[in-house]
Amino acid sequence: MQGAQLLIPPVAFIIVLLVVIFLNRFFSILSFKNKQSEESKESYACGEDFQEHMIQPDYGQFFPFAFFFTILHVIVLVVATVPIENMQIFAMALIYIIGAVLGLVTLLKR
């Protein structure tokens, strides 16, 4: 097993890091260098001059939706990965799902 030393995680990490640094330097030499004007450094706001921040977005409706989305995806992950052969694990998954549904009900009641 002469090549086994290359599979040790710190050694493999250093090798991959060196390869990535080499590729970065190599492709940066080949890349197209564009001279940026002052206009290209400004932020783009749909063709408008965006000097003052007049828009103040309200994230009050976003966070409940994000939590809803996250909870539902975790529920689907639990349901999809629970082996049905073992009833004890299946019962724990059902308790977890009931708790998640109660969390969703609490989230949506606000």
PDB file of N, CA and C in Angstrom:
ATOM      1  N   MET A   1       0.833  -1.192   0.000  1.00  0.00           N
ATOM      2  CA  MET A   1       0.000   0.000   0.000  1.00  0.00           C
ATOM      3  C   MET A   1       0.873   1.249   0.000  1.00  0.00           C
ATOM      4  N   GLN A   2       1.481   1.491  -1.120  1.00  0.00           N
ATOM      5  CA  GLN A   2       2.362   2.636  -1.195  1.00  0.00           C
ATOM      6  C   GLN A   2       1.600   3.943  -1.365  1.00  0.00           C
ATOM      7  N   GLY A   3       0.437   3.906  -1.992  1.00  0.00           N
ATOM      8  CA  GLY A   3      -0.332   5.121  -2.225  1.00  0.00           C
ATOM      9  C   GLY A   3      -1.289   5.465  -1.108  1.00  0.00           C
ATOM     10  N   ALA A   4      -1.284   4.691  -0.029  1.00  0.00           N
ATOM     11  CA  ALA A   4      -2.237   4.920   1.056  1.00  0.00           C
ATOM     12  C   ALA A   4      -1.955   6.224   1.804  1.00  0.00           C
ATOM     13  N   GLN A   5      -0.705   6.677   1.791  1.00  0.00           N
ATOM     14  CA  GLN A   5      -0.375   7.929   2.482  1.00  0.00           C
ATOM     15  C   GLN A   5      -1.032   9.131   1.806  1.00  0.00           C
ATOM     16  N   LEU A   6      -1.333   9.009   0.528  1.00  0.00           N
ATOM     17  CA  LEU A   6      -1.982  10.112  -0.182  1.00  0.00           C
ATOM     18  C   LEU A   6      -3.456  10.243   0.189  1.00  0.00           C
ATOM     19  N   LEU A   7      -4.032   9.197   0.780  1.00  0.00           N
ATOM     20  CA  LEU A   7      -5.439   9.217   1.126  1.00  0.00           C
ATOM     21  C   LEU A   7      -5.697   9.716   2.539  1.00  0.00           C
ATOM     22  N   ILE A   8      -4.659  10.010   3.287  1.00  0.00           N
ATOM     23  CA  ILE A   8      -4.834  10.590   4.615  1.00  0.00           C
ATOM     24  C   ILE A   8      -5.442  11.981   4.418  1.00  0.00           C
ATOM     25  N   PRO A   9      -6.540  12.324   5.142  1.00  0.00           N
ATOM     26  CA  PRO A   9      -7.249  13.581   4.878  1.00  0.00           C
ATOM     27  C   PRO A   9      -6.383  14.848   4.848  1.00  0.00           C
ATOM     28  N   PRO A  10      -5.463  15.086   5.787  1.00  0.00           N
ATOM     29  CA  PRO A  10      -4.663  16.317   5.678  1.00  0.00           C
ATOM     30  C   PRO A  10      -3.781  16.339   4.432  1.00  0.00           C
ATOM     31  N   VAL A  11      -3.211  15.188   4.070  1.00  0.00           N
ATOM     32  CA  VAL A  11      -2.358  15.128   2.878  1.00  0.00           C
ATOM     33  C   VAL A  11      -3.205  15.333   1.628  1.00  0.00           C
ATOM     34  N   ALA A  12      -4.354  14.686   1.555  1.00  0.00           N
ATOM     35  CA  ALA A  12      -5.239  14.850   0.393  1.00  0.00           C
ATOM     36  C   ALA A  12      -5.717  16.292   0.287  1.00  0.00           C
ATOM     37  N   PHE A  13      -6.018  16.925   1.436  1.00  0.00           N
ATOM     38  CA  PHE A  13      -6.455  18.322   1.415  1.00  0.00           C
ATOM     39  C   PHE A  13      -5.358  19.225   0.868  1.00  0.00           C
ATOM     40  N   ILE A  14      -4.122  19.022   1.311  1.00  0.00           N
ATOM     41  CA  ILE A  14      -3.010  19.865   0.843  1.00  0.00           C
ATOM     42  C   ILE A  14      -2.774  19.644  -0.650  1.00  0.00           C
ATOM     43  N   ILE A  15      -2.870  18.413  -1.112  1.00  0.00           N
ATOM     44  CA  ILE A  15      -2.676  18.139  -2.541  1.00  0.00           C
ATOM     45  C   ILE A  15      -3.758  18.820  -3.365  1.00  0.00           C
ATOM     46  N   VAL A  16      -5.018  18.687  -2.948  1.00  0.00           N
ATOM     47  CA  VAL A  16      -6.117  19.324  -3.681  1.00  0.00           C
ATOM     48  C   VAL A  16      -5.979  20.844  -3.626  1.00  0.00           C
ATOM     49  N   LEU A  17      -5.581  21.386  -2.478  1.00  0.00           N
ATOM     50  CA  LEU A  17      -5.393  22.827  -2.357  1.00  0.00           C
ATOM     51  C   LEU A  17      -4.307  23.327  -3.303  1.00  0.00           C
ATOM     52  N   LEU A  18      -3.211  22.609  -3.397  1.00  0.00           N
ATOM     53  CA  LEU A  18      -2.136  23.002  -4.310  1.00  0.00           C
ATOM     54  C   LEU A  18      -2.579  22.917  -5.766  1.00  0.00           C
ATOM     55  N   VAL A  19      -3.352  21.893  -6.114  1.00  0.00           N
ATOM     56  CA  VAL A  19      -3.857  21.773  -7.486  1.00  0.00           C
ATOM     57  C   VAL A  19      -4.793  22.930  -7.809  1.00  0.00           C
ATOM     58  N   VAL A  20      -5.675  23.288  -6.858  1.00  0.00           N
ATOM     59  CA  VAL A  20      -6.614  24.394  -7.088  1.00  0.00           C
ATOM     60  C   VAL A  20      -5.858  25.713  -7.215  1.00  0.00           C
ATOM     61  N   ILE A  21      -4.851  25.942  -6.388  1.00  0.00           N
ATOM     62  CA  ILE A  21      -4.055  27.179  -6.490  1.00  0.00           C
ATOM     63  C   ILE A  21      -3.338  27.227  -7.833  1.00  0.00           C
ATOM     64  N   PHE A  22      -2.775  26.104  -8.255  1.00  0.00           N
ATOM     65  CA  PHE A  22      -2.104  26.069  -9.559  1.00  0.00           C
ATOM     66  C   PHE A  22      -3.083  26.369 -10.689  1.00  0.00           C
ATOM     67  N   LEU A  23      -4.257  25.728 -10.665  1.00  0.00           N
ATOM     68  CA  LEU A  23      -5.246  25.972 -11.720  1.00  0.00           C
ATOM     69  C   LEU A  23      -5.747  27.409 -11.706  1.00  0.00           C
ATOM     70  N   ASN A  24      -5.898  27.984 -10.515  1.00  0.00           N
ATOM     71  CA  ASN A  24      -6.323  29.372 -10.409  1.00  0.00           C
ATOM     72  C   ASN A  24      -5.296  30.296 -11.049  1.00  0.00           C
ATOM     73  N   ARG A  25      -4.032  30.085 -10.742  1.00  0.00           N
ATOM     74  CA  ARG A  25      -2.970  30.920 -11.345  1.00  0.00           C
ATOM     75  C   ARG A  25      -2.896  30.711 -12.851  1.00  0.00           C
ATOM     76  N   PHE A  26      -2.989  29.474 -13.295  1.00  0.00           N
ATOM     77  CA  PHE A  26      -2.893  29.175 -14.715  1.00  0.00           C
ATOM     78  C   PHE A  26      -4.031  29.811 -15.500  1.00  0.00           C
ATOM     79  N   PHE A  27      -5.266  29.661 -15.007  1.00  0.00           N
ATOM     80  CA  PHE A  27      -6.394  30.213 -15.738  1.00  0.00           C
ATOM     81  C   PHE A  27      -6.508  31.723 -15.591  1.00  0.00           C
ATOM     82  N   SER A  28      -5.948  32.305 -14.527  1.00  0.00           N
ATOM     83  CA  SER A  28      -5.963  33.764 -14.428  1.00  0.00           C
ATOM     84  C   SER A  28      -5.021  34.386 -15.458  1.00  0.00           C
ATOM     85  N   ILE A  29      -3.978  33.664 -15.835  1.00  0.00           N
ATOM     86  CA  ILE A  29      -3.095  34.142 -16.908  1.00  0.00           C
ATOM     87  C   ILE A  29      -3.833  34.102 -18.243  1.00  0.00           C
ATOM     88  N   LEU A  30      -4.634  33.066 -18.461  1.00  0.00           N
ATOM     89  CA  LEU A  30      -5.361  32.908 -19.726  1.00  0.00           C
ATOM     90  C   LEU A  30      -6.628  33.746 -19.807  1.00  0.00           C
ATOM     91  N   SER A  31      -7.112  34.261 -18.694  1.00  0.00           N
ATOM     92  CA  SER A  31      -8.409  34.937 -18.695  1.00  0.00           C
ATOM     93  C   SER A  31      -8.336  36.300 -19.373  1.00  0.00           C
ATOM     94  N   PHE A  32      -9.492  36.742 -19.807  1.00  0.00           N
ATOM     95  CA  PHE A  32      -9.623  38.031 -20.477  1.00  0.00           C
ATOM     96  C   PHE A  32      -9.619  39.140 -19.437  1.00  0.00           C
ATOM     97  N   LYS A  33      -8.755  40.102 -19.619  1.00  0.00           N
ATOM     98  CA  LYS A  33      -8.678  41.227 -18.686  1.00  0.00           C
ATOM     99  C   LYS A  33      -9.463  42.399 -19.275  1.00  0.00           C
ATOM    100  N   ASN A  34     -10.510  42.800 -18.598  1.00  0.00           N
ATOM    101  CA  ASN A  34     -11.360  43.890 -19.060  1.00  0.00           C
ATOM    102  C   ASN A  34     -11.082  45.116 -18.204  1.00  0.00           C
ATOM    103  N   LYS A  35     -10.866  46.228 -18.850  1.00  0.00           N
ATOM    104  CA  LYS A  35     -10.694  47.467 -18.113  1.00  0.00           C
ATOM    105  C   LYS A  35     -12.071  47.961 -17.698  1.00  0.00           C
ATOM    106  N   GLN A  36     -12.256  48.133 -16.407  1.00  0.00           N
ATOM    107  CA  GLN A  36     -13.558  48.548 -15.912  1.00  0.00           C
ATOM    108  C   GLN A  36     -13.633  50.068 -15.854  1.00  0.00           C
ATOM    109  N   SER A  37     -14.750  50.586 -16.337  1.00  0.00           N
ATOM    110  CA  SER A  37     -14.986  52.012 -16.249  1.00  0.00           C
ATOM    111  C   SER A  37     -15.656  52.327 -14.923  1.00  0.00           C
ATOM    112  N   GLU A  38     -15.804  53.578 -14.619  1.00  0.00           N
ATOM    113  CA  GLU A  38     -16.456  53.978 -13.371  1.00  0.00           C
ATOM    114  C   GLU A  38     -17.935  53.583 -13.381  1.00  0.00           C
ATOM    115  N   GLU A  39     -18.568  53.587 -14.550  1.00  0.00           N
ATOM    116  CA  GLU A  39     -19.979  53.212 -14.640  1.00  0.00           C
ATOM    117  C   GLU A  39     -20.190  51.732 -14.359  1.00  0.00           C
ATOM    118  N   SER A  40     -19.233  50.902 -14.731  1.00  0.00           N
ATOM    119  CA  SER A  40     -19.413  49.470 -14.513  1.00  0.00           C
ATOM    120  C   SER A  40     -19.226  49.087 -13.049  1.00  0.00           C
ATOM    121  N   LYS A  41     -18.653  49.944 -12.231  1.00  0.00           N
ATOM    122  CA  LYS A  41     -18.457  49.655 -10.814  1.00  0.00           C
ATOM    123  C   LYS A  41     -19.664  50.047  -9.962  1.00  0.00           C
ATOM    124  N   GLU A  42     -20.604  50.805 -10.545  1.00  0.00           N
ATOM    125  CA  GLU A  42     -21.785  51.218  -9.801  1.00  0.00           C
ATOM    126  C   GLU A  42     -22.818  50.096  -9.786  1.00  0.00           C
ATOM    127  N   SER A  43     -23.651  50.092  -8.763  1.00  0.00           N
ATOM    128  CA  SER A  43     -24.680  49.063  -8.686  1.00  0.00           C
ATOM    129  C   SER A  43     -25.775  49.348  -9.714  1.00  0.00           C
ATOM    130  N   TYR A  44     -26.360  48.280 -10.226  1.00  0.00           N
ATOM    131  CA  TYR A  44     -27.402  48.394 -11.234  1.00  0.00           C
ATOM    132  C   TYR A  44     -28.756  48.272 -10.566  1.00  0.00           C
ATOM    133  N   ALA A  45     -29.616  49.219 -10.827  1.00  0.00           N
ATOM    134  CA  ALA A  45     -30.951  49.208 -10.225  1.00  0.00           C
ATOM    135  C   ALA A  45     -32.003  49.402 -11.303  1.00  0.00           C
ATOM    136  N   CYS A  46     -32.095  48.451 -12.203  1.00  0.00           N
ATOM    137  CA  CYS A  46     -33.108  48.442 -13.270  1.00  0.00           C
ATOM    138  C   CYS A  46     -33.053  49.698 -14.136  1.00  0.00           C
ATOM    139  N   GLY A  47     -31.873  50.180 -14.390  1.00  0.00           N
ATOM    140  CA  GLY A  47     -31.715  51.328 -15.253  1.00  0.00           C
ATOM    141  C   GLY A  47     -31.920  52.663 -14.576  1.00  0.00           C
ATOM    142  N   GLU A  48     -32.169  52.683 -13.285  1.00  0.00           N
ATOM    143  CA  GLU A  48     -32.390  53.936 -12.569  1.00  0.00           C
ATOM    144  C   GLU A  48     -31.133  54.326 -11.806  1.00  0.00           C
ATOM    145  N   ASP A  49     -30.983  55.609 -11.595  1.00  0.00           N
ATOM    146  CA  ASP A  49     -29.918  56.067 -10.716  1.00  0.00           C
ATOM    147  C   ASP A  49     -30.354  55.793  -9.287  1.00  0.00           C
ATOM    148  N   PHE A  50     -29.598  54.994  -8.616  1.00  0.00           N
ATOM    149  CA  PHE A  50     -29.988  54.530  -7.284  1.00  0.00           C
ATOM    150  C   PHE A  50     -29.085  55.199  -6.256  1.00  0.00           C
ATOM    151  N   GLN A  51     -29.303  56.467  -6.038  1.00  0.00           N
ATOM    152  CA  GLN A  51     -28.463  57.215  -5.107  1.00  0.00           C
ATOM    153  C   GLN A  51     -28.941  57.071  -3.675  1.00  0.00           C
ATOM    154  N   GLU A  52     -30.228  57.204  -3.461  1.00  0.00           N
ATOM    155  CA  GLU A  52     -30.772  57.109  -2.113  1.00  0.00           C
ATOM    156  C   GLU A  52     -31.495  55.785  -1.954  1.00  0.00           C
ATOM    157  N   HIS A  53     -31.390  55.238  -0.773  1.00  0.00           N
ATOM    158  CA  HIS A  53     -32.071  53.983  -0.485  1.00  0.00           C
ATOM    159  C   HIS A  53     -33.482  54.298  -0.019  1.00  0.00           C
ATOM    160  N   MET A  54     -34.377  54.449  -0.974  1.00  0.00           N
ATOM    161  CA  MET A  54     -35.757  54.788  -0.651  1.00  0.00           C
ATOM    162  C   MET A  54     -36.585  53.542  -0.367  1.00  0.00           C
ATOM    163  N   ILE A  55     -36.147  52.414  -0.871  1.00  0.00           N
ATOM    164  CA  ILE A  55     -36.907  51.188  -0.695  1.00  0.00           C
ATOM    165  C   ILE A  55     -36.447  50.507   0.588  1.00  0.00           C
ATOM    166  N   GLN A  56     -37.364  50.259   1.477  1.00  0.00           N
ATOM    167  CA  GLN A  56     -37.077  49.552   2.716  1.00  0.00           C
ATOM    168  C   GLN A  56     -37.904  48.268   2.720  1.00  0.00           C
ATOM    169  N   PRO A  57     -37.310  47.149   2.287  1.00  0.00           N
ATOM    170  CA  PRO A  57     -38.095  45.915   2.204  1.00  0.00           C
ATOM    171  C   PRO A  57     -38.496  45.425   3.592  1.00  0.00           C
ATOM    172  N   ASP A  58     -39.677  44.853   3.661  1.00  0.00           N
ATOM    173  CA  ASP A  58     -40.188  44.300   4.903  1.00  0.00           C
ATOM    174  C   ASP A  58     -40.078  42.782   4.833  1.00  0.00           C
ATOM    175  N   TYR A  59     -39.273  42.213   5.712  1.00  0.00           N
ATOM    176  CA  TYR A  59     -39.074  40.770   5.718  1.00  0.00           C
ATOM    177  C   TYR A  59     -40.007  40.078   6.706  1.00  0.00           C
ATOM    178  N   GLY A  60     -40.993  40.780   7.189  1.00  0.00           N
ATOM    179  CA  GLY A  60     -41.920  40.209   8.143  1.00  0.00           C
ATOM    180  C   GLY A  60     -42.689  39.023   7.593  1.00  0.00           C
ATOM    181  N   GLN A  61     -42.990  39.027   6.306  1.00  0.00           N
ATOM    182  CA  GLN A  61     -43.706  37.915   5.697  1.00  0.00           C
ATOM    183  C   GLN A  61     -42.754  36.845   5.175  1.00  0.00           C
ATOM    184  N   PHE A  62     -41.483  37.204   4.978  1.00  0.00           N
ATOM    185  CA  PHE A  62     -40.530  36.248   4.427  1.00  0.00           C
ATOM    186  C   PHE A  62     -40.116  35.192   5.446  1.00  0.00           C
ATOM    187  N   PHE A  63     -39.841  35.594   6.688  1.00  0.00           N
ATOM    188  CA  PHE A  63     -39.322  34.659   7.669  1.00  0.00           C
ATOM    189  C   PHE A  63     -40.311  33.548   8.036  1.00  0.00           C
ATOM    190  N   PRO A  64     -41.599  33.837   8.236  1.00  0.00           N
ATOM    191  CA  PRO A  64     -42.519  32.713   8.469  1.00  0.00           C
ATOM    192  C   PRO A  64     -42.576  31.748   7.280  1.00  0.00           C
ATOM    193  N   PHE A  65     -42.518  32.284   6.078  1.00  0.00           N
ATOM    194  CA  PHE A  65     -42.513  31.426   4.894  1.00  0.00           C
ATOM    195  C   PHE A  65     -41.241  30.582   4.855  1.00  0.00           C
ATOM    196  N   ALA A  66     -40.097  31.177   5.196  1.00  0.00           N
ATOM    197  CA  ALA A  66     -38.836  30.437   5.196  1.00  0.00           C
ATOM    198  C   ALA A  66     -38.858  29.327   6.249  1.00  0.00           C
ATOM    199  N   PHE A  67     -39.393  29.622   7.444  1.00  0.00           N
ATOM    200  CA  PHE A  67     -39.496  28.589   8.471  1.00  0.00           C
ATOM    201  C   PHE A  67     -40.452  27.481   8.034  1.00  0.00           C
ATOM    202  N   PHE A  68     -41.565  27.849   7.431  1.00  0.00           N
ATOM    203  CA  PHE A  68     -42.536  26.873   6.911  1.00  0.00           C
ATOM    204  C   PHE A  68     -41.863  25.957   5.898  1.00  0.00           C
ATOM    205  N   PHE A  69     -41.138  26.543   4.967  1.00  0.00           N
ATOM    206  CA  PHE A  69     -40.430  25.806   3.931  1.00  0.00           C
ATOM    207  C   PHE A  69     -39.415  24.848   4.554  1.00  0.00           C
ATOM    208  N   THR A  70     -38.649  25.322   5.539  1.00  0.00           N
ATOM    209  CA  THR A  70     -37.635  24.495   6.183  1.00  0.00           C
ATOM    210  C   THR A  70     -38.261  23.340   6.952  1.00  0.00           C
ATOM    211  N   ILE A  71     -39.300  23.620   7.720  1.00  0.00           N
ATOM    212  CA  ILE A  71     -39.952  22.568   8.502  1.00  0.00           C
ATOM    213  C   ILE A  71     -40.534  21.498   7.583  1.00  0.00           C
ATOM    214  N   LEU A  72     -41.177  21.902   6.494  1.00  0.00           N
ATOM    215  CA  LEU A  72     -41.744  20.916   5.579  1.00  0.00           C
ATOM    216  C   LEU A  72     -40.671  20.052   4.926  1.00  0.00           C
ATOM    217  N   HIS A  73     -39.547  20.657   4.581  1.00  0.00           N
ATOM    218  CA  HIS A  73     -38.487  19.864   3.971  1.00  0.00           C
ATOM    219  C   HIS A  73     -37.864  18.891   4.965  1.00  0.00           C
ATOM    220  N   VAL A  74     -37.747  19.282   6.213  1.00  0.00           N
ATOM    221  CA  VAL A  74     -37.222  18.359   7.225  1.00  0.00           C
ATOM    222  C   VAL A  74     -38.209  17.221   7.453  1.00  0.00           C
ATOM    223  N   ILE A  75     -39.488  17.520   7.467  1.00  0.00           N
ATOM    224  CA  ILE A  75     -40.502  16.467   7.625  1.00  0.00           C
ATOM    225  C   ILE A  75     -40.408  15.470   6.473  1.00  0.00           C
ATOM    226  N   VAL A  76     -40.290  15.962   5.257  1.00  0.00           N
ATOM    227  CA  VAL A  76     -40.184  15.078   4.095  1.00  0.00           C
ATOM    228  C   VAL A  76     -38.909  14.243   4.181  1.00  0.00           C
ATOM    229  N   LEU A  77     -37.819  14.836   4.632  1.00  0.00           N
ATOM    230  CA  LEU A  77     -36.570  14.093   4.781  1.00  0.00           C
ATOM    231  C   LEU A  77     -36.717  12.978   5.808  1.00  0.00           C
ATOM    232  N   VAL A  78     -37.380  13.266   6.918  1.00  0.00           N
ATOM    233  CA  VAL A  78     -37.581  12.241   7.945  1.00  0.00           C
ATOM    234  C   VAL A  78     -38.477  11.129   7.417  1.00  0.00           C
ATOM    235  N   VAL A  79     -39.571  11.477   6.775  1.00  0.00           N
ATOM    236  CA  VAL A  79     -40.499  10.467   6.268  1.00  0.00           C
ATOM    237  C   VAL A  79     -39.830   9.614   5.190  1.00  0.00           C
ATOM    238  N   ALA A  80     -39.028  10.224   4.360  1.00  0.00           N
ATOM    239  CA  ALA A  80     -38.420   9.483   3.253  1.00  0.00           C
ATOM    240  C   ALA A  80     -37.293   8.565   3.705  1.00  0.00           C
ATOM    241  N   THR A  81     -36.672   8.837   4.846  1.00  0.00           N
ATOM    242  CA  THR A  81     -35.510   8.046   5.250  1.00  0.00           C
ATOM    243  C   THR A  81     -35.779   7.091   6.403  1.00  0.00           C
ATOM    244  N   VAL A  82     -36.986   7.064   6.937  1.00  0.00           N
ATOM    245  CA  VAL A  82     -37.291   6.168   8.056  1.00  0.00           C
ATOM    246  C   VAL A  82     -37.577   4.771   7.510  1.00  0.00           C
ATOM    247  N   PRO A  83     -36.867   3.770   8.025  1.00  0.00           N
ATOM    248  CA  PRO A  83     -37.184   2.402   7.591  1.00  0.00           C
ATOM    249  C   PRO A  83     -38.483   1.928   8.245  1.00  0.00           C
ATOM    250  N   ILE A  84     -39.377   1.419   7.467  1.00  0.00           N
ATOM    251  CA  ILE A  84     -40.683   1.015   7.981  1.00  0.00           C
ATOM    252  C   ILE A  84     -40.592  -0.327   8.708  1.00  0.00           C
ATOM    253  N   GLU A  85     -39.542  -1.113   8.454  1.00  0.00           N
ATOM    254  CA  GLU A  85     -39.437  -2.433   9.066  1.00  0.00           C
ATOM    255  C   GLU A  85     -39.376  -2.358  10.591  1.00  0.00           C
ATOM    256  N   ASN A  86     -38.758  -1.331  11.127  1.00  0.00           N
ATOM    257  CA  ASN A  86     -38.617  -1.202  12.567  1.00  0.00           C
ATOM    258  C   ASN A  86     -39.712  -0.283  13.094  1.00  0.00           C
ATOM    259  N   MET A  87     -40.672  -0.833  13.796  1.00  0.00           N
ATOM    260  CA  MET A  87     -41.837  -0.057  14.246  1.00  0.00           C
ATOM    261  C   MET A  87     -41.479   0.956  15.326  1.00  0.00           C
ATOM    262  N   GLN A  88     -40.457   0.679  16.118  1.00  0.00           N
ATOM    263  CA  GLN A  88     -40.073   1.626  17.166  1.00  0.00           C
ATOM    264  C   GLN A  88     -39.530   2.917  16.534  1.00  0.00           C
ATOM    265  N   ILE A  89     -38.701   2.780  15.516  1.00  0.00           N
ATOM    266  CA  ILE A  89     -38.189   3.967  14.827  1.00  0.00           C
ATOM    267  C   ILE A  89     -39.328   4.667  14.089  1.00  0.00           C
ATOM    268  N   PHE A  90     -40.227   3.899  13.508  1.00  0.00           N
ATOM    269  CA  PHE A  90     -41.361   4.481  12.799  1.00  0.00           C
ATOM    270  C   PHE A  90     -42.264   5.263  13.756  1.00  0.00           C
ATOM    271  N   ALA A  91     -42.457   4.742  14.977  1.00  0.00           N
ATOM    272  CA  ALA A  91     -43.266   5.451  15.968  1.00  0.00           C
ATOM    273  C   ALA A  91     -42.583   6.758  16.389  1.00  0.00           C
ATOM    274  N   MET A  92     -41.262   6.733  16.537  1.00  0.00           N
ATOM    275  CA  MET A  92     -40.545   7.969  16.879  1.00  0.00           C
ATOM    276  C   MET A  92     -40.651   8.984  15.744  1.00  0.00           C
ATOM    277  N   ALA A  93     -40.615   8.511  14.497  1.00  0.00           N
ATOM    278  CA  ALA A  93     -40.765   9.415  13.357  1.00  0.00           C
ATOM    279  C   ALA A  93     -42.164  10.025  13.341  1.00  0.00           C
ATOM    280  N   LEU A  94     -43.162   9.243  13.683  1.00  0.00           N
ATOM    281  CA  LEU A  94     -44.526   9.782  13.744  1.00  0.00           C
ATOM    282  C   LEU A  94     -44.663  10.836  14.845  1.00  0.00           C
ATOM    283  N   ILE A  95     -44.034  10.598  15.996  1.00  0.00           N
ATOM    284  CA  ILE A  95     -44.047  11.599  17.065  1.00  0.00           C
ATOM    285  C   ILE A  95     -43.354  12.869  16.591  1.00  0.00           C
ATOM    286  N   TYR A  96     -42.240  12.723  15.861  1.00  0.00           N
ATOM    287  CA  TYR A  96     -41.537  13.876  15.315  1.00  0.00           C
ATOM    288  C   TYR A  96     -42.420  14.643  14.322  1.00  0.00           C
ATOM    289  N   ILE A  97     -43.112  13.921  13.476  1.00  0.00           N
ATOM    290  CA  ILE A  97     -43.981  14.557  12.483  1.00  0.00           C
ATOM    291  C   ILE A  97     -45.124  15.290  13.172  1.00  0.00           C
ATOM    292  N   ILE A  98     -45.702  14.695  14.226  1.00  0.00           N
ATOM    293  CA  ILE A  98     -46.786  15.359  14.961  1.00  0.00           C
ATOM    294  C   ILE A  98     -46.266  16.642  15.609  1.00  0.00           C
ATOM    295  N   GLY A  99     -45.057  16.588  16.168  1.00  0.00           N
ATOM    296  CA  GLY A  99     -44.460  17.797  16.737  1.00  0.00           C
ATOM    297  C   GLY A  99     -44.211  18.862  15.685  1.00  0.00           C
ATOM    298  N   ALA A 100     -43.768  18.455  14.507  1.00  0.00           N
ATOM    299  CA  ALA A 100     -43.540  19.413  13.428  1.00  0.00           C
ATOM    300  C   ALA A 100     -44.847  20.023  12.944  1.00  0.00           C
ATOM    301  N   VAL A 101     -45.906  19.216  12.866  1.00  0.00           N
ATOM    302  CA  VAL A 101     -47.214  19.742  12.459  1.00  0.00           C
ATOM    303  C   VAL A 101     -47.719  20.747  13.497  1.00  0.00           C
ATOM    304  N   LEU A 102     -47.528  20.448  14.774  1.00  0.00           N
ATOM    305  CA  LEU A 102     -47.911  21.420  15.812  1.00  0.00           C
ATOM    306  C   LEU A 102     -47.101  22.707  15.678  1.00  0.00           C
ATOM    307  N   GLY A 103     -45.835  22.578  15.337  1.00  0.00           N
ATOM    308  CA  GLY A 103     -45.019  23.772  15.093  1.00  0.00           C
ATOM    309  C   GLY A 103     -45.531  24.580  13.915  1.00  0.00           C
ATOM    310  N   LEU A 104     -45.952  23.897  12.853  1.00  0.00           N
ATOM    311  CA  LEU A 104     -46.515  24.604  11.700  1.00  0.00           C
ATOM    312  C   LEU A 104     -47.827  25.290  12.052  1.00  0.00           C
ATOM    313  N   VAL A 105     -48.653  24.626  12.827  1.00  0.00           N
ATOM    314  CA  VAL A 105     -49.922  25.241  13.243  1.00  0.00           C
ATOM    315  C   VAL A 105     -49.648  26.490  14.072  1.00  0.00           C
ATOM    316  N   THR A 106     -48.683  26.399  14.980  1.00  0.00           N
ATOM    317  CA  THR A 106     -48.317  27.571  15.786  1.00  0.00           C
ATOM    318  C   THR A 106     -47.761  28.675  14.918  1.00  0.00           C
ATOM    319  N   LEU A 107     -46.970  28.325  13.923  1.00  0.00           N
ATOM    320  CA  LEU A 107     -46.389  29.325  13.030  1.00  0.00           C
ATOM    321  C   LEU A 107     -47.457  30.014  12.195  1.00  0.00           C
ATOM    322  N   LEU A 108     -48.436  29.257  11.729  1.00  0.00           N
ATOM    323  CA  LEU A 108     -49.466  29.815  10.854  1.00  0.00           C
ATOM    324  C   LEU A 108     -50.566  30.546  11.606  1.00  0.00           C
ATOM    325  N   LYS A 109     -50.673  30.343  12.918  1.00  0.00           N
ATOM    326  CA  LYS A 109     -51.708  31.020  13.695  1.00  0.00           C
ATOM    327  C   LYS A 109     -51.417  32.494  13.901  1.00  0.00           C
ATOM    328  N   ARG A 110     -50.164  32.878  13.794  1.00  0.00           N
ATOM    329  CA  ARG A 110     -49.799  34.277  14.060  1.00  0.00           C
ATOM    330  C   ARG A 110     -50.421  35.182  13.078  1.00  0.00           C
TER     331      ARG A 110
END
